[in-house]
């Protein structure tokens, strides 16, 4: 079954970027729409929250992409 899409197109694109690098999305409820876990997820820095309604969706999406690309465990899939 396909996962639900994030209501923000910018954040959805960032989540898809993370998934293309092997990250896994775990949906949650409340303020966090979900959490992204790197493929190794051996340290806390490899868990990125995905907020439901951030103040600025574009900045939040950029932050998600930056965290994925800087992951010390999997080097963002590079």
N, C-alpha and C. Protein backbone atom coordinates (compact mmCIF):
# COMPACT_ATOMS: atom_id res chain seq x y z
N UNK A 1 0.84 -1.17 0.00
CA UNK A 1 0.00 0.00 0.00
C UNK A 1 0.89 1.24 0.00
N UNK A 2 0.53 2.23 -0.80
CA UNK A 2 1.31 3.46 -0.89
C UNK A 2 1.07 4.32 0.36
N UNK A 3 2.10 5.05 0.73
CA UNK A 3 1.95 5.92 1.89
C UNK A 3 1.18 7.17 1.49
N UNK A 4 0.55 7.84 2.45
CA UNK A 4 -0.13 9.09 2.13
C UNK A 4 0.89 10.18 1.78
N UNK A 5 0.48 11.10 0.93
CA UNK A 5 1.35 12.20 0.54
C UNK A 5 1.26 13.31 1.59
N UNK A 6 2.38 14.01 1.77
CA UNK A 6 2.36 15.17 2.67
C UNK A 6 1.59 16.28 1.96
N UNK A 7 0.79 17.06 2.71
CA UNK A 7 -0.02 18.10 2.07
C UNK A 7 0.81 19.21 1.41
N UNK A 8 2.05 19.41 1.85
CA UNK A 8 2.92 20.43 1.24
C UNK A 8 3.74 19.79 0.12
N UNK A 9 3.66 20.36 -1.08
CA UNK A 9 4.39 19.79 -2.20
C UNK A 9 5.90 19.86 -1.99
N UNK A 10 6.39 20.92 -1.32
CA UNK A 10 7.82 21.06 -1.07
C UNK A 10 8.32 19.97 -0.12
N UNK A 11 7.55 19.74 0.94
CA UNK A 11 7.94 18.73 1.93
C UNK A 11 7.79 17.34 1.33
N UNK A 12 6.76 17.12 0.54
CA UNK A 12 6.60 15.81 -0.12
C UNK A 12 7.80 15.53 -1.01
N UNK A 13 8.27 16.53 -1.74
CA UNK A 13 9.45 16.35 -2.60
C UNK A 13 10.69 16.02 -1.76
N UNK A 14 10.83 16.66 -0.60
CA UNK A 14 11.96 16.38 0.28
C UNK A 14 11.90 14.96 0.83
N UNK A 15 10.70 14.50 1.18
CA UNK A 15 10.52 13.13 1.67
C UNK A 15 10.85 12.14 0.55
N UNK A 16 10.42 12.43 -0.66
CA UNK A 16 10.74 11.55 -1.78
C UNK A 16 12.25 11.51 -2.04
N UNK A 17 12.92 12.65 -1.86
CA UNK A 17 14.39 12.70 -1.99
C UNK A 17 15.02 11.76 -0.97
N UNK A 18 14.56 11.86 0.28
CA UNK A 18 15.10 11.00 1.33
C UNK A 18 14.85 9.53 1.01
N UNK A 19 13.65 9.20 0.56
CA UNK A 19 13.33 7.82 0.23
C UNK A 19 14.19 7.31 -0.93
N UNK A 20 14.53 8.19 -1.86
CA UNK A 20 15.39 7.77 -2.98
C UNK A 20 16.80 7.44 -2.52
N UNK A 21 17.18 7.97 -1.34
CA UNK A 21 18.50 7.69 -0.77
C UNK A 21 18.46 6.51 0.20
N UNK A 22 17.29 5.85 0.30
CA UNK A 22 17.17 4.68 1.16
C UNK A 22 16.59 4.96 2.53
N UNK A 23 16.23 6.21 2.81
CA UNK A 23 15.63 6.54 4.10
C UNK A 23 14.22 5.98 4.17
N UNK A 24 13.77 5.70 5.39
CA UNK A 24 12.45 5.10 5.61
C UNK A 24 11.59 6.07 6.42
N UNK A 25 10.37 6.29 5.96
CA UNK A 25 9.44 7.16 6.66
C UNK A 25 8.54 6.35 7.57
N UNK A 26 8.46 6.76 8.83
CA UNK A 26 7.52 6.18 9.78
C UNK A 26 6.51 7.27 10.10
N UNK A 27 5.25 7.05 9.74
CA UNK A 27 4.21 8.03 10.01
C UNK A 27 3.90 8.08 11.49
N UNK A 28 3.51 9.25 11.97
CA UNK A 28 3.12 9.41 13.37
C UNK A 28 1.89 10.30 13.42
N UNK A 29 1.51 10.69 14.60
CA UNK A 29 0.36 11.58 14.74
C UNK A 29 0.79 12.77 15.61
N UNK A 30 0.01 13.81 15.56
CA UNK A 30 0.35 15.00 16.33
C UNK A 30 1.09 16.01 15.47
N UNK A 31 1.98 16.76 16.09
CA UNK A 31 2.70 17.81 15.37
C UNK A 31 3.62 17.23 14.31
N UNK A 32 4.23 16.11 14.60
CA UNK A 32 5.09 15.46 13.61
C UNK A 32 4.23 14.58 12.72
N UNK A 33 4.31 14.82 11.41
CA UNK A 33 3.59 14.00 10.44
C UNK A 33 4.25 12.64 10.35
N UNK A 34 5.57 12.64 10.55
CA UNK A 34 6.33 11.40 10.51
C UNK A 34 7.78 11.64 10.86
N UNK A 35 8.57 10.58 10.84
CA UNK A 35 10.00 10.66 11.09
C UNK A 35 10.71 9.87 10.00
N UNK A 36 11.79 10.45 9.50
CA UNK A 36 12.63 9.78 8.52
C UNK A 36 13.81 9.15 9.24
N UNK A 37 14.10 7.90 8.92
CA UNK A 37 15.22 7.17 9.50
C UNK A 37 16.19 6.79 8.39
N UNK A 38 17.49 7.05 8.62
CA UNK A 38 18.47 6.69 7.60
C UNK A 38 18.56 5.17 7.50
N UNK A 39 19.15 4.66 6.41
CA UNK A 39 19.22 3.21 6.22
C UNK A 39 19.94 2.49 7.37
N UNK A 40 20.92 3.13 7.99
CA UNK A 40 21.65 2.48 9.09
C UNK A 40 21.05 2.82 10.44
N UNK A 41 20.53 4.03 10.58
CA UNK A 41 19.90 4.55 11.80
C UNK A 41 20.61 4.09 13.08
N UNK A 42 21.92 4.25 13.10
CA UNK A 42 22.69 3.82 14.27
C UNK A 42 22.93 4.96 15.26
N UNK A 43 22.49 6.16 14.92
CA UNK A 43 22.68 7.28 15.84
C UNK A 43 21.48 8.22 15.76
N UNK A 44 21.31 8.99 16.80
CA UNK A 44 20.15 9.86 16.89
C UNK A 44 20.11 10.90 15.78
N UNK A 45 21.26 11.33 15.30
CA UNK A 45 21.32 12.33 14.25
C UNK A 45 20.73 11.85 12.94
N UNK A 46 20.44 10.59 12.83
CA UNK A 46 19.90 10.03 11.60
C UNK A 46 18.39 9.87 11.65
N UNK A 47 17.76 10.58 12.53
CA UNK A 47 16.30 10.61 12.62
C UNK A 47 15.88 12.05 12.37
N UNK A 48 15.07 12.26 11.34
CA UNK A 48 14.66 13.61 10.97
C UNK A 48 13.14 13.71 11.08
N UNK A 49 12.65 14.63 11.91
CA UNK A 49 11.19 14.80 11.99
C UNK A 49 10.65 15.50 10.76
N UNK A 50 9.45 15.10 10.37
CA UNK A 50 8.75 15.75 9.26
C UNK A 50 7.48 16.34 9.88
N UNK A 51 7.44 17.67 9.98
CA UNK A 51 6.33 18.34 10.65
C UNK A 51 5.09 18.40 9.77
N UNK A 52 3.93 18.37 10.42
CA UNK A 52 2.66 18.44 9.70
C UNK A 52 2.45 19.81 9.07
N UNK A 53 2.58 20.84 9.88
CA UNK A 53 2.33 22.21 9.41
C UNK A 53 3.41 23.13 9.93
N UNK A 54 4.59 23.09 9.32
CA UNK A 54 5.66 23.98 9.77
C UNK A 54 5.33 25.43 9.41
N UNK A 55 5.95 26.37 10.11
CA UNK A 55 5.71 27.78 9.83
C UNK A 55 6.09 28.13 8.39
N UNK A 56 7.19 27.56 7.91
CA UNK A 56 7.64 27.82 6.55
C UNK A 56 7.97 26.48 5.89
N UNK A 57 7.10 26.01 5.02
CA UNK A 57 7.25 24.68 4.40
C UNK A 57 8.51 24.60 3.55
N UNK A 58 8.85 25.66 2.84
CA UNK A 58 10.04 25.64 1.99
C UNK A 58 11.30 25.48 2.82
N UNK A 59 11.40 26.21 3.92
CA UNK A 59 12.58 26.09 4.78
C UNK A 59 12.65 24.71 5.43
N UNK A 60 11.51 24.18 5.82
CA UNK A 60 11.49 22.85 6.44
C UNK A 60 11.95 21.79 5.42
N UNK A 61 11.47 21.92 4.19
CA UNK A 61 11.87 20.97 3.13
C UNK A 61 13.37 21.05 2.89
N UNK A 62 13.92 22.27 2.84
CA UNK A 62 15.36 22.44 2.65
C UNK A 62 16.14 21.81 3.79
N UNK A 63 15.61 21.95 5.01
CA UNK A 63 16.27 21.36 6.17
C UNK A 63 16.27 19.83 6.11
N UNK A 64 15.19 19.25 5.64
CA UNK A 64 15.12 17.79 5.49
C UNK A 64 16.17 17.33 4.49
N UNK A 65 16.23 17.99 3.35
CA UNK A 65 17.21 17.62 2.32
C UNK A 65 18.63 17.78 2.84
N UNK A 66 18.88 18.87 3.55
CA UNK A 66 20.22 19.11 4.12
C UNK A 66 20.59 18.01 5.11
N UNK A 67 19.66 17.61 5.97
CA UNK A 67 19.94 16.56 6.94
C UNK A 67 20.22 15.23 6.26
N UNK A 68 19.46 14.92 5.22
CA UNK A 68 19.67 13.66 4.48
C UNK A 68 21.04 13.66 3.83
N UNK A 69 21.38 14.77 3.18
CA UNK A 69 22.65 14.84 2.46
C UNK A 69 23.87 14.89 3.38
N UNK A 70 23.67 15.29 4.64
CA UNK A 70 24.78 15.38 5.59
C UNK A 70 24.85 14.21 6.56
N UNK A 71 24.03 13.22 6.38
CA UNK A 71 23.98 12.07 7.31
C UNK A 71 25.37 11.45 7.46
N UNK A 72 25.90 11.42 8.68
CA UNK A 72 27.24 10.86 8.89
C UNK A 72 27.29 9.34 8.74
N UNK A 73 26.15 8.66 8.88
CA UNK A 73 26.15 7.21 8.79
C UNK A 73 26.13 6.71 7.35
N UNK A 74 25.36 7.39 6.51
CA UNK A 74 25.22 6.89 5.14
C UNK A 74 25.67 7.91 4.11
N UNK A 75 26.18 9.04 4.57
CA UNK A 75 26.69 10.09 3.69
C UNK A 75 25.67 10.50 2.66
N UNK A 76 24.38 10.48 3.05
CA UNK A 76 23.31 10.91 2.16
C UNK A 76 23.14 10.06 0.94
N UNK A 77 23.73 8.87 0.95
CA UNK A 77 23.59 7.99 -0.18
C UNK A 77 24.61 8.25 -1.29
N UNK A 78 25.61 9.11 -1.01
CA UNK A 78 26.62 9.44 -2.05
C UNK A 78 27.59 8.31 -2.22
